[in-house]
Amino acid sequence: MQLQQLKTFYEVAATGSFTRAAEKLYLTQPAVTQQIRALEAELGFPLLERTGRHVKLTPAGEALLPYPPRILALLEEATSAASEAAGRSAKLLRLGAGDTVATYILPDLIKVFHATRPSASLRLVVGNSERLLEAVLENEVELAIWARQDPHHLIIRYPFYRAPLVAVLQPDDPLARRGELWARELHGRRLLLRGKASAIRRFIDEFLQRCGLDTSEAVEMDHLEAIKRTVEIGYGVTVAPAFAVSREVGLGTLAAVRLADPGAEIPIYYVHYAHRRLTPLAQALIDLLAGATARLRQSSEPPTHDQILGLGP
């Protein structure tokens, strides 16, 4: 049994297609078919069944499916451990982040990280939660930061910060003078929200619906920057994590009012593969996040953007 055969089997099972697996592995489709047949011949029983254009796992395939990622992760860990023992620790941190996190949290976080690890380099993958889950499972990234809510049996996730949700308004809006407000007070306003592929949008949808607001008629935009600009010109209001509007609030172009409803906080997680040993660089970034979280818990006041990143008092 060869590692490449196991990897090929996993990709066929994960994508449900020999063609898509071949594209991801940069192989021809006949080569993928040959590797699957060789693996099945080695084991002595079939792992996959073709039903038209789709691929279905046999019971034996279902039983085997969890093992290739763990075996490949163990190989990666062995290589990393040997490199560290030889004094050749990894100099590259492969990090994934959701679009909102990458835009509003990562820049300052990376600056602090490089101040403590000046020789390290960074490779960043930005995408929605489905793209990042795939990147973590396939070892494209070692660590990811996202607002994804759904647990996964191969992923360990830690909530390092609960970001307050705020109503985002024009500064001269009557509600902008309030210290806090209830979400239902936005009823009748034109609501601007991210597209439904965003994990943060899905969380906000569920929150607003619990508060009695209908989001089905919300104006959808792909980018939060476009939404903020639209609020600035007075076309509507939005609900967003406080850290995403801290710059505009500081400049006075937008106002942010904290929502008083229960559950008006969105958890931000860092996640990694459950069966993979973290490199020293990944652990250093986690320690940085943990230190910032500890400082946040000591304060009863709503945190500033700088405090989130451990840059402020």
C-alpha atoms as a PDB file:
ATOM      1  CA  MET A   1       0.000   0.000   0.000  1.00  0.00           C
ATOM      2  CA  GLN A   2       1.471   3.324  -1.086  1.00  0.00           C
ATOM      3  CA  LEU A   3       0.857   6.784   0.339  1.00  0.00           C
ATOM      4  CA  GLN A   4      -0.061   8.156  -3.081  1.00  0.00           C
ATOM      5  CA  GLN A   5      -2.732   5.474  -3.439  1.00  0.00           C
ATOM      6  CA  LEU A   6      -4.264   6.449  -0.105  1.00  0.00           C
ATOM      7  CA  LYS A   7      -4.180  10.128  -1.021  1.00  0.00           C
ATOM      8  CA  THR A   8      -5.810   9.395  -4.360  1.00  0.00           C
ATOM      9  CA  PHE A   9      -8.529   7.309  -2.711  1.00  0.00           C
ATOM     10  CA  TYR A  10      -9.231  10.116  -0.258  1.00  0.00           C
ATOM     11  CA  GLU A  11      -9.525  12.743  -2.994  1.00  0.00           C
ATOM     12  CA  VAL A  12     -11.886  10.581  -5.066  1.00  0.00           C
ATOM     13  CA  ALA A  13     -14.043   9.953  -1.998  1.00  0.00           C
ATOM     14  CA  ALA A  14     -13.974  13.622  -0.910  1.00  0.00           C
ATOM     15  CA  THR A  15     -14.815  15.039  -4.358  1.00  0.00           C
ATOM     16  CA  GLY A  16     -17.108  12.214  -5.444  1.00  0.00           C
ATOM     17  CA  SER A  17     -15.449  12.198  -8.840  1.00  0.00           C
ATOM     18  CA  PHE A  18     -12.434  10.624 -10.539  1.00  0.00           C
ATOM     19  CA  THR A  19     -12.201  13.659 -12.819  1.00  0.00           C
ATOM     20  CA  ARG A  20     -12.135  16.254 -10.010  1.00  0.00           C
ATOM     21  CA  ALA A  21      -9.684  14.130  -8.015  1.00  0.00           C
ATOM     22  CA  ALA A  22      -7.382  13.985 -11.048  1.00  0.00           C
ATOM     23  CA  GLU A  23      -7.532  17.781 -11.377  1.00  0.00           C
ATOM     24  CA  LYS A  24      -6.670  18.331  -7.711  1.00  0.00           C
ATOM     25  CA  LEU A  25      -3.802  15.827  -7.797  1.00  0.00           C
ATOM     26  CA  TYR A  26      -2.470  17.010 -11.188  1.00  0.00           C
ATOM     27  CA  LEU A  27      -2.853  13.501 -12.578  1.00  0.00           C
ATOM     28  CA  THR A  28      -4.624  12.049 -15.577  1.00  0.00           C
ATOM     29  CA  GLN A  29      -7.918  10.290 -14.949  1.00  0.00           C
ATOM     30  CA  PRO A  30      -6.487   6.903 -16.095  1.00  0.00           C
ATOM     31  CA  ALA A  31      -3.678   7.326 -13.542  1.00  0.00           C
ATOM     32  CA  VAL A  32      -6.234   7.925 -10.781  1.00  0.00           C
ATOM     33  CA  THR A  33      -8.218   4.858 -11.870  1.00  0.00           C
ATOM     34  CA  GLN A  34      -5.056   2.758 -11.931  1.00  0.00           C
ATOM     35  CA  GLN A  35      -4.082   3.774  -8.391  1.00  0.00           C
ATOM     36  CA  ILE A  36      -7.544   2.979  -7.032  1.00  0.00           C
ATOM     37  CA  ARG A  37      -7.509  -0.427  -8.722  1.00  0.00           C
ATOM     38  CA  ALA A  38      -4.028  -1.156  -7.321  1.00  0.00           C
ATOM     39  CA  LEU A  39      -5.173  -0.243  -3.811  1.00  0.00           C
ATOM     40  CA  GLU A  40      -8.283  -2.413  -4.099  1.00  0.00           C
ATOM     41  CA  ALA A  41      -6.165  -5.302  -5.428  1.00  0.00           C
ATOM     42  CA  GLU A  42      -3.790  -4.941  -2.472  1.00  0.00           C
ATOM     43  CA  LEU A  43      -6.685  -5.027  -0.002  1.00  0.00           C
ATOM     44  CA  GLY A  44      -8.654  -7.704  -1.811  1.00  0.00           C
ATOM     45  CA  PHE A  45     -12.024  -5.916  -1.865  1.00  0.00           C
ATOM     46  CA  PRO A  46     -13.651  -2.908  -3.577  1.00  0.00           C
ATOM     47  CA  LEU A  47     -13.630   0.542  -1.960  1.00  0.00           C
ATOM     48  CA  LEU A  48     -15.659   2.517  -4.507  1.00  0.00           C
ATOM     49  CA  GLU A  49     -18.695   1.944  -6.690  1.00  0.00           C
ATOM     50  CA  ARG A  50     -19.447   4.036  -9.771  1.00  0.00           C
ATOM     51  CA  THR A  51     -23.099   5.008 -10.212  1.00  0.00           C
ATOM     52  CA  GLY A  52     -23.294   6.924 -13.471  1.00  0.00           C
ATOM     53  CA  ARG A  53     -21.085  10.000 -13.086  1.00  0.00           C
ATOM     54  CA  HIS A  54     -20.986   9.718  -9.314  1.00  0.00           C
ATOM     55  CA  VAL A  55     -18.820   7.665  -6.982  1.00  0.00           C
ATOM     56  CA  LYS A  56     -20.191   5.874  -3.946  1.00  0.00           C
ATOM     57  CA  LEU A  57     -18.155   4.377  -1.111  1.00  0.00           C
ATOM     58  CA  THR A  58     -18.596   0.725  -0.231  1.00  0.00           C
ATOM     59  CA  PRO A  59     -18.802  -0.143   3.493  1.00  0.00           C
ATOM     60  CA  ALA A  60     -15.084  -0.955   3.325  1.00  0.00           C
ATOM     61  CA  GLY A  61     -14.419   2.437   1.723  1.00  0.00           C
ATOM     62  CA  GLU A  62     -16.401   4.187   4.464  1.00  0.00           C
ATOM     63  CA  ALA A  63     -14.302   2.399   7.090  1.00  0.00           C
ATOM     64  CA  LEU A  64     -11.019   3.337   5.382  1.00  0.00           C
ATOM     65  CA  LEU A  65     -11.912   6.976   4.673  1.00  0.00           C
ATOM     66  CA  PRO A  66     -10.836   8.545   8.038  1.00  0.00           C
ATOM     67  CA  TYR A  67      -7.345   7.040   7.891  1.00  0.00           C
ATOM     68  CA  PRO A  68      -5.549   8.643   4.893  1.00  0.00           C
ATOM     69  CA  PRO A  69      -5.617  12.197   6.383  1.00  0.00           C
ATOM     70  CA  ARG A  70      -4.310  10.861   9.691  1.00  0.00           C
ATOM     71  CA  ILE A  71      -1.557   8.823   8.021  1.00  0.00           C
ATOM     72  CA  LEU A  72      -0.468  11.770   5.869  1.00  0.00           C
ATOM     73  CA  ALA A  73      -0.565  14.068   8.899  1.00  0.00           C
ATOM     74  CA  LEU A  74       1.660  11.657  10.833  1.00  0.00           C
ATOM     75  CA  LEU A  75       4.133  11.660   7.953  1.00  0.00           C
ATOM     76  CA  GLU A  76       4.149  15.472   7.987  1.00  0.00           C
ATOM     77  CA  GLU A  77       4.689  15.444  11.761  1.00  0.00           C
ATOM     78  CA  ALA A  78       7.577  12.994  11.453  1.00  0.00           C
ATOM     79  CA  THR A  79       9.259  15.162   8.833  1.00  0.00           C
ATOM     80  CA  SER A  80       8.745  18.285  10.942  1.00  0.00           C
ATOM     81  CA  ALA A  81      10.106  16.627  14.090  1.00  0.00           C
ATOM     82  CA  ALA A  82      13.220  15.418  12.261  1.00  0.00           C
ATOM     83  CA  SER A  83      13.776  18.881  10.763  1.00  0.00           C
ATOM     84  CA  GLU A  84      13.501  20.529  14.175  1.00  0.00           C
ATOM     85  CA  ALA A  85      15.960  18.022  15.685  1.00  0.00           C
ATOM     86  CA  ALA A  86      18.389  18.812  12.875  1.00  0.00           C
ATOM     87  CA  GLY A  87      18.099  22.522  13.629  1.00  0.00           C
ATOM     88  CA  ARG A  88      16.033  23.239  10.546  1.00  0.00           C
ATOM     89  CA  SER A  89      12.730  24.322  12.012  1.00  0.00           C
ATOM     90  CA  ALA A  90      10.089  25.501   9.587  1.00  0.00           C
ATOM     91  CA  LYS A  91      10.415  29.153   8.592  1.00  0.00           C
ATOM     92  CA  LEU A  92       7.032  29.291   6.857  1.00  0.00           C
ATOM     93  CA  LEU A  93       3.650  29.584   8.571  1.00  0.00           C
ATOM     94  CA  ARG A  94       0.763  28.492   6.350  1.00  0.00           C
ATOM     95  CA  LEU A  95      -2.289  30.343   7.618  1.00  0.00           C
ATOM     96  CA  GLY A  96      -5.910  30.465   6.476  1.00  0.00           C
ATOM     97  CA  ALA A  97      -8.501  33.116   7.279  1.00  0.00           C
ATOM     98  CA  GLY A  98     -12.007  34.133   6.372  1.00  0.00           C
ATOM     99  CA  ASP A  99     -12.390  37.294   4.334  1.00  0.00           C
ATOM    100  CA  THR A 100     -13.583  39.450   7.250  1.00  0.00           C
ATOM    101  CA  VAL A 101     -10.868  38.189   9.587  1.00  0.00           C
ATOM    102  CA  ALA A 102      -8.208  38.625   6.891  1.00  0.00           C
ATOM    103  CA  THR A 103      -9.297  42.210   6.241  1.00  0.00           C
ATOM    104  CA  TYR A 104      -9.851  43.561   9.753  1.00  0.00           C
ATOM    105  CA  ILE A 105      -7.850  41.394  12.197  1.00  0.00           C
ATOM    106  CA  LEU A 106      -4.909  39.824  10.389  1.00  0.00           C
ATOM    107  CA  PRO A 107      -2.930  42.909   9.284  1.00  0.00           C
ATOM    108  CA  ASP A 108      -2.196  44.073  12.828  1.00  0.00           C
ATOM    109  CA  LEU A 109      -1.861  40.503  14.088  1.00  0.00           C
ATOM    110  CA  ILE A 110       0.748  39.725  11.423  1.00  0.00           C
ATOM    111  CA  LYS A 111       2.645  42.881  12.342  1.00  0.00           C
ATOM    112  CA  VAL A 112       2.888  41.777  15.985  1.00  0.00           C
ATOM    113  CA  PHE A 113       3.753  38.210  14.964  1.00  0.00           C
ATOM    114  CA  HIS A 114       6.647  39.341  12.778  1.00  0.00           C
ATOM    115  CA  ALA A 115       7.938  41.575  15.564  1.00  0.00           C
ATOM    116  CA  THR A 116       8.463  38.408  17.632  1.00  0.00           C
ATOM    117  CA  ARG A 117       9.445  36.121  14.717  1.00  0.00           C
ATOM    118  CA  PRO A 118      11.290  38.418  12.253  1.00  0.00           C
ATOM    119  CA  SER A 119      12.777  35.556  10.231  1.00  0.00           C
ATOM    120  CA  ALA A 120       9.441  33.840   9.628  1.00  0.00           C
ATOM    121  CA  SER A 121       7.535  34.088   6.358  1.00  0.00           C
ATOM    122  CA  LEU A 122       3.801  33.717   5.860  1.00  0.00           C
ATOM    123  CA  ARG A 123       1.624  32.103   3.217  1.00  0.00           C
ATOM    124  CA  LEU A 124      -2.015  33.146   3.513  1.00  0.00           C
ATOM    125  CA  VAL A 125      -5.107  31.468   2.084  1.00  0.00           C
ATOM    126  CA  VAL A 126      -8.270  33.597   2.203  1.00  0.00           C
ATOM    127  CA  GLY A 127     -11.678  32.075   1.520  1.00  0.00           C
ATOM    128  CA  ASN A 128     -15.066  31.112   2.878  1.00  0.00           C
ATOM    129  CA  SER A 129     -15.444  28.482   5.582  1.00  0.00           C
ATOM    130  CA  GLU A 130     -15.849  25.595   3.122  1.00  0.00           C
ATOM    131  CA  ARG A 131     -12.644  26.551   1.312  1.00  0.00           C
ATOM    132  CA  LEU A 132     -10.754  26.871   4.599  1.00  0.00           C
ATOM    133  CA  LEU A 133     -12.035  23.534   5.917  1.00  0.00           C
ATOM    134  CA  GLU A 134     -10.673  21.867   2.784  1.00  0.00           C
ATOM    135  CA  ALA A 135      -7.344  23.703   3.187  1.00  0.00           C
ATOM    136  CA  VAL A 136      -6.957  22.517   6.799  1.00  0.00           C
ATOM    137  CA  LEU A 137      -7.919  18.910   6.058  1.00  0.00           C
ATOM    138  CA  GLU A 138      -5.523  18.699   3.117  1.00  0.00           C
ATOM    139  CA  ASN A 139      -2.633  20.373   4.978  1.00  0.00           C
ATOM    140  CA  GLU A 140      -2.597  23.356   2.643  1.00  0.00           C
ATOM    141  CA  VAL A 141      -2.713  25.485   5.786  1.00  0.00           C
ATOM    142  CA  GLU A 142      -1.624  24.526   9.274  1.00  0.00           C
ATOM    143  CA  LEU A 143      -3.805  26.948  11.170  1.00  0.00           C
ATOM    144  CA  ALA A 144      -6.967  28.848  10.247  1.00  0.00           C
ATOM    145  CA  ILE A 145      -8.931  31.670  11.851  1.00  0.00           C
ATOM    146  CA  TRP A 146     -12.620  31.784  11.022  1.00  0.00           C
ATOM    147  CA  ALA A 147     -16.129  32.366  12.284  1.00  0.00           C
ATOM    148  CA  ARG A 148     -17.384  28.989  11.071  1.00  0.00           C
ATOM    149  CA  GLN A 149     -19.991  27.539  13.423  1.00  0.00           C
ATOM    150  CA  ASP A 150     -20.245  23.893  12.354  1.00  0.00           C
ATOM    151  CA  PRO A 151     -17.946  21.455  14.208  1.00  0.00           C
ATOM    152  CA  HIS A 152     -16.028  18.800  12.279  1.00  0.00           C
ATOM    153  CA  HIS A 153     -14.746  15.528  13.727  1.00  0.00           C
ATOM    154  CA  LEU A 154     -11.240  16.020  12.265  1.00  0.00           C
ATOM    155  CA  ILE A 155     -10.893  19.656  13.361  1.00  0.00           C
ATOM    156  CA  ILE A 156      -9.989  21.055  16.776  1.00  0.00           C
ATOM    157  CA  ARG A 157     -11.324  24.573  17.269  1.00  0.00           C
ATOM    158  CA  TYR A 158     -10.810  27.103  20.061  1.00  0.00           C
ATOM    159  CA  PRO A 159     -12.892  30.275  20.445  1.00  0.00           C
ATOM    160  CA  PHE A 160     -10.312  32.968  21.257  1.00  0.00           C
ATOM    161  CA  TYR A 161     -12.594  35.989  21.035  1.00  0.00           C
ATOM    162  CA  ARG A 162     -16.307  36.812  21.098  1.00  0.00           C
ATOM    163  CA  ALA A 163     -16.783  39.860  18.899  1.00  0.00           C
ATOM    164  CA  PRO A 164     -19.687  42.170  19.869  1.00  0.00           C
ATOM    165  CA  LEU A 165     -22.228  42.753  17.122  1.00  0.00           C
ATOM    166  CA  VAL A 166     -23.118  46.379  16.481  1.00  0.00           C
ATOM    167  CA  ALA A 167     -25.705  48.259  14.468  1.00  0.00           C
ATOM    168  CA  VAL A 168     -23.818  50.346  11.905  1.00  0.00           C
ATOM    169  CA  LEU A 169     -25.445  53.681  11.044  1.00  0.00           C
ATOM    170  CA  GLN A 170     -24.776  57.130   9.696  1.00  0.00           C
ATOM    171  CA  PRO A 171     -23.378  59.355  12.484  1.00  0.00           C
ATOM    172  CA  ASP A 172     -26.383  61.723  12.236  1.00  0.00           C
ATOM    173  CA  ASP A 173     -28.924  58.905  12.541  1.00  0.00           C
ATOM    174  CA  PRO A 174     -31.112  59.392  15.674  1.00  0.00           C
ATOM    175  CA  LEU A 175     -30.244  55.855  16.834  1.00  0.00           C
ATOM    176  CA  ALA A 176     -26.514  56.645  16.637  1.00  0.00           C
ATOM    177  CA  ARG A 177     -26.732  58.718  19.821  1.00  0.00           C
ATOM    178  CA  ARG A 178     -27.850  55.709  21.851  1.00  0.00           C
ATOM    179  CA  GLY A 179     -25.507  53.756  24.107  1.00  0.00           C
ATOM    180  CA  GLU A 180     -27.112  50.520  22.967  1.00  0.00           C
ATOM    181  CA  LEU A 181     -30.249  49.419  21.184  1.00  0.00           C
ATOM    182  CA  TRP A 182     -32.392  46.354  20.563  1.00  0.00           C
ATOM    183  CA  ALA A 183     -32.199  44.681  17.180  1.00  0.00           C
ATOM    184  CA  ARG A 184     -35.963  45.020  16.716  1.00  0.00           C
ATOM    185  CA  GLU A 185     -35.489  48.798  16.613  1.00  0.00           C
ATOM    186  CA  LEU A 186     -33.977  48.324  13.144  1.00  0.00           C
ATOM    187  CA  HIS A 187     -37.366  47.112  11.875  1.00  0.00           C
ATOM    188  CA  GLY A 188     -38.447  49.090   8.834  1.00  0.00           C
ATOM    189  CA  ARG A 189     -34.881  50.134   7.955  1.00  0.00           C
ATOM    190  CA  ARG A 190     -33.248  49.012   4.705  1.00  0.00           C
ATOM    191  CA  LEU A 191     -30.917  46.248   5.861  1.00  0.00           C
ATOM    192  CA  LEU A 192     -27.629  45.602   4.029  1.00  0.00           C
ATOM    193  CA  LEU A 193     -25.930  42.227   4.601  1.00  0.00           C
ATOM    194  CA  ARG A 194     -23.129  40.062   3.192  1.00  0.00           C
ATOM    195  CA  GLY A 195     -23.946  37.206   0.812  1.00  0.00           C
ATOM    196  CA  LYS A 196     -25.194  33.980   2.367  1.00  0.00           C
ATOM    197  CA  ALA A 197     -21.948  32.120   1.620  1.00  0.00           C
ATOM    198  CA  SER A 198     -20.388  34.081   4.503  1.00  0.00           C
ATOM    199  CA  ALA A 199     -20.329  32.283   7.862  1.00  0.00           C
ATOM    200  CA  ILE A 200     -20.666  35.648   9.613  1.00  0.00           C
ATOM    201  CA  ARG A 201     -23.765  36.425   7.509  1.00  0.00           C
ATOM    202  CA  ARG A 202     -25.331  33.090   8.491  1.00  0.00           C
ATOM    203  CA  PHE A 203     -24.653  33.811  12.160  1.00  0.00           C
ATOM    204  CA  ILE A 204     -26.126  37.326  11.878  1.00  0.00           C
ATOM    205  CA  ASP A 205     -29.166  35.948  10.032  1.00  0.00           C
ATOM    206  CA  GLU A 206     -29.894  33.483  12.834  1.00  0.00           C
ATOM    207  CA  PHE A 207     -29.347  36.166  15.477  1.00  0.00           C
ATOM    208  CA  LEU A 208     -31.640  38.732  13.820  1.00  0.00           C
ATOM    209  CA  GLN A 209     -34.345  36.153  13.191  1.00  0.00           C
ATOM    210  CA  ARG A 210     -34.285  35.208  16.871  1.00  0.00           C
ATOM    211  CA  CYS A 211     -34.770  38.910  17.592  1.00  0.00           C
ATOM    212  CA  GLY A 212     -37.839  38.998  15.338  1.00  0.00           C
ATOM    213  CA  LEU A 213     -36.311  40.646  12.271  1.00  0.00           C
ATOM    214  CA  ASP A 214     -36.944  39.304   8.768  1.00  0.00           C
ATOM    215  CA  THR A 215     -33.714  39.230   6.731  1.00  0.00           C
ATOM    216  CA  SER A 216     -35.206  37.727   3.560  1.00  0.00           C
ATOM    217  CA  GLU A 217     -35.530  41.160   1.928  1.00  0.00           C
ATOM    218  CA  ALA A 218     -32.052  42.362   2.896  1.00  0.00           C
ATOM    219  CA  VAL A 219     -29.896  43.911   0.166  1.00  0.00           C
ATOM    220  CA  GLU A 220     -26.963  41.531  -0.350  1.00  0.00           C
ATOM    221  CA  MET A 221     -23.426  42.582  -1.237  1.00  0.00           C
ATOM    222  CA  ASP A 222     -20.349  40.398  -1.507  1.00  0.00           C
ATOM    223  CA  HIS A 223     -17.992  42.751   0.320  1.00  0.00           C
ATOM    224  CA  LEU A 224     -18.340  44.436   3.690  1.00  0.00           C
ATOM    225  CA  GLU A 225     -16.377  47.446   2.437  1.00  0.00           C
ATOM    226  CA  ALA A 226     -19.121  48.069  -0.153  1.00  0.00           C
ATOM    227  CA  ILE A 227     -21.772  47.732   2.551  1.00  0.00           C
ATOM    228  CA  LYS A 228     -20.009  50.250   4.815  1.00  0.00           C
ATOM    229  CA  ARG A 229     -19.672  52.746   1.979  1.00  0.00           C
ATOM    230  CA  THR A 230     -23.385  52.352   1.209  1.00  0.00           C
ATOM    231  CA  VAL A 231     -24.288  53.012   4.846  1.00  0.00           C
ATOM    232  CA  GLU A 232     -22.061  56.107   4.793  1.00  0.00           C
ATOM    233  CA  ILE A 233     -24.138  57.642   1.993  1.00  0.00           C
ATOM    234  CA  GLY A 234     -27.360  56.948   3.889  1.00  0.00           C
ATOM    235  CA  TYR A 235     -28.841  54.131   1.809  1.00  0.00           C
ATOM    236  CA  GLY A 236     -29.358  51.713   4.702  1.00  0.00           C
ATOM    237  CA  VAL A 237     -27.996  50.164   7.898  1.00  0.00           C
ATOM    238  CA  THR A 238     -26.134  46.972   8.656  1.00  0.00           C
ATOM    239  CA  VAL A 239     -25.147  44.687  11.522  1.00  0.00           C
ATOM    240  CA  ALA A 240     -21.493  43.684  11.734  1.00  0.00           C
ATOM    241  CA  PRO A 241     -18.754  42.698  14.201  1.00  0.00           C
ATOM    242  CA  ALA A 242     -17.460  45.771  16.043  1.00  0.00           C
ATOM    243  CA  PHE A 243     -13.864  45.175  14.897  1.00  0.00           C
ATOM    244  CA  ALA A 244     -14.909  45.531  11.253  1.00  0.00           C
ATOM    245  CA  VAL A 245     -15.998  49.170  11.645  1.00  0.00           C
ATOM    246  CA  SER A 246     -13.540  50.457  14.256  1.00  0.00           C
ATOM    247  CA  ARG A 247     -11.587  52.495  11.682  1.00  0.00           C
ATOM    248  CA  GLU A 248     -14.659  54.287  10.305  1.00  0.00           C
ATOM    249  CA  VAL A 249     -16.009  54.934  13.786  1.00  0.00           C
ATOM    250  CA  GLY A 250     -12.661  56.491  14.725  1.00  0.00           C
ATOM    251  CA  LEU A 251     -12.778  58.700  11.629  1.00  0.00           C
ATOM    252  CA  GLY A 252     -16.370  59.702  12.340  1.00  0.00           C
ATOM    253  CA  THR A 253     -17.758  58.452   9.019  1.00  0.00           C
ATOM    254  CA  LEU A 254     -19.869  55.726  10.661  1.00  0.00           C
ATOM    255  CA  ALA A 255     -21.478  55.149  14.053  1.00  0.00           C
ATOM    256  CA  ALA A 256     -21.626  51.756  15.775  1.00  0.00           C
ATOM    257  CA  VAL A 257     -24.132  51.027  18.542  1.00  0.00           C
ATOM    258  CA  ARG A 258     -23.838  47.809  20.509  1.00  0.00           C
ATOM    259  CA  LEU A 259     -26.872  45.521  20.399  1.00  0.00           C
ATOM    260  CA  ALA A 260     -28.442  44.710  23.777  1.00  0.00           C
ATOM    261  CA  ASP A 261     -30.044  41.411  22.714  1.00  0.00           C
ATOM    262  CA  PRO A 262     -28.772  38.129  24.233  1.00  0.00           C
ATOM    263  CA  GLY A 263     -26.326  36.384  21.941  1.00  0.00           C
ATOM    264  CA  ALA A 264     -25.143  39.574  20.225  1.00  0.00           C
ATOM    265  CA  GLU A 265     -21.579  38.255  20.041  1.00  0.00           C
ATOM    266  CA  ILE A 266     -19.991  36.159  17.339  1.00  0.00           C
ATOM    267  CA  PRO A 267     -17.264  33.668  18.316  1.00  0.00           C
ATOM    268  CA  ILE A 268     -14.008  33.793  16.353  1.00  0.00           C
ATOM    269  CA  TYR A 269     -12.055  30.526  16.334  1.00  0.00           C
ATOM    270  CA  TYR A 270      -8.579  29.366  15.548  1.00  0.00           C
ATOM    271  CA  VAL A 271      -8.619  25.807  14.257  1.00  0.00           C
ATOM    272  CA  HIS A 272      -6.220  23.073  13.228  1.00  0.00           C
ATOM    273  CA  TYR A 273      -6.294  19.457  12.150  1.00  0.00           C
ATOM    274  CA  ALA A 274      -6.874  17.129  15.091  1.00  0.00           C
ATOM    275  CA  HIS A 275      -4.152  14.600  14.259  1.00  0.00           C
ATOM    276  CA  ARG A 276      -1.359  16.958  13.287  1.00  0.00           C
ATOM    277  CA  ARG A 277       1.389  18.277  15.552  1.00  0.00           C
ATOM    278  CA  LEU A 278       1.691  22.048  15.362  1.00  0.00           C
ATOM    279  CA  THR A 279       4.974  23.648  14.334  1.00  0.00           C
ATOM    280  CA  PRO A 280       6.659  26.166  16.660  1.00  0.00           C
ATOM    281  CA  LEU A 281       5.523  29.014  14.389  1.00  0.00           C
ATOM    282  CA  ALA A 282       1.876  27.976  14.620  1.00  0.00           C
ATOM    283  CA  GLN A 283       2.198  27.605  18.382  1.00  0.00           C
ATOM    284  CA  ALA A 284       3.732  31.081  18.600  1.00  0.00           C
ATOM    285  CA  LEU A 285       0.711  32.566  16.840  1.00  0.00           C
ATOM    286  CA  ILE A 286      -1.649  30.682  19.163  1.00  0.00           C
ATOM    287  CA  ASP A 287       0.261  31.990  22.190  1.00  0.00           C
ATOM    288  CA  LEU A 288      -0.142  35.517  20.810  1.00  0.00           C
ATOM    289  CA  LEU A 289      -3.909  35.017  20.481  1.00  0.00           C
ATOM    290  CA  ALA A 290      -4.116  33.466  23.958  1.00  0.00           C
ATOM    291  CA  GLY A 291      -2.276  36.411  25.492  1.00  0.00           C
ATOM    292  CA  ALA A 292      -4.661  38.862  23.859  1.00  0.00           C
ATOM    293  CA  THR A 293      -7.656  36.819  25.075  1.00  0.00           C
ATOM    294  CA  ALA A 294      -6.355  36.812  28.652  1.00  0.00           C
ATOM    295  CA  ARG A 295      -6.100  40.605  28.619  1.00  0.00           C
ATOM    296  CA  LEU A 296      -9.613  40.902  27.234  1.00  0.00           C
ATOM    297  CA  ARG A 297     -11.058  38.774  30.036  1.00  0.00           C
ATOM    298  CA  GLN A 298      -9.510  41.034  32.663  1.00  0.00           C
ATOM    299  CA  SER A 299     -11.457  44.012  31.378  1.00  0.00           C
ATOM    300  CA  SER A 300     -15.184  44.555  31.901  1.00  0.00           C
ATOM    301  CA  GLU A 301     -15.300  47.295  29.259  1.00  0.00           C
ATOM    302  CA  PRO A 302     -16.104  46.529  25.600  1.00  0.00           C
ATOM    303  CA  PRO A 303     -12.725  45.838  23.935  1.00  0.00           C
ATOM    304  CA  THR A 304     -11.188  48.111  21.364  1.00  0.00           C
ATOM    305  CA  HIS A 305      -9.768  46.844  18.093  1.00  0.00           C
ATOM    306  CA  ASP A 306      -6.202  47.229  19.417  1.00  0.00           C
ATOM    307  CA  GLN A 307      -7.055  45.241  22.544  1.00  0.00           C
ATOM    308  CA  ILE A 308      -8.304  42.383  20.401  1.00  0.00           C
ATOM    309  CA  LEU A 309      -4.825  42.122  18.949  1.00  0.00           C
ATOM    310  CA  GLY A 310      -2.959  42.682  22.205  1.00  0.00           C
ATOM    311  CA  LEU A 311      -1.661  46.052  21.050  1.00  0.00           C
ATOM    312  CA  GLY A 312      -3.474  48.262  23.530  1.00  0.00           C
ATOM    313  CA  PRO A 313      -3.855  48.441  27.332  1.00  0.00           C
END
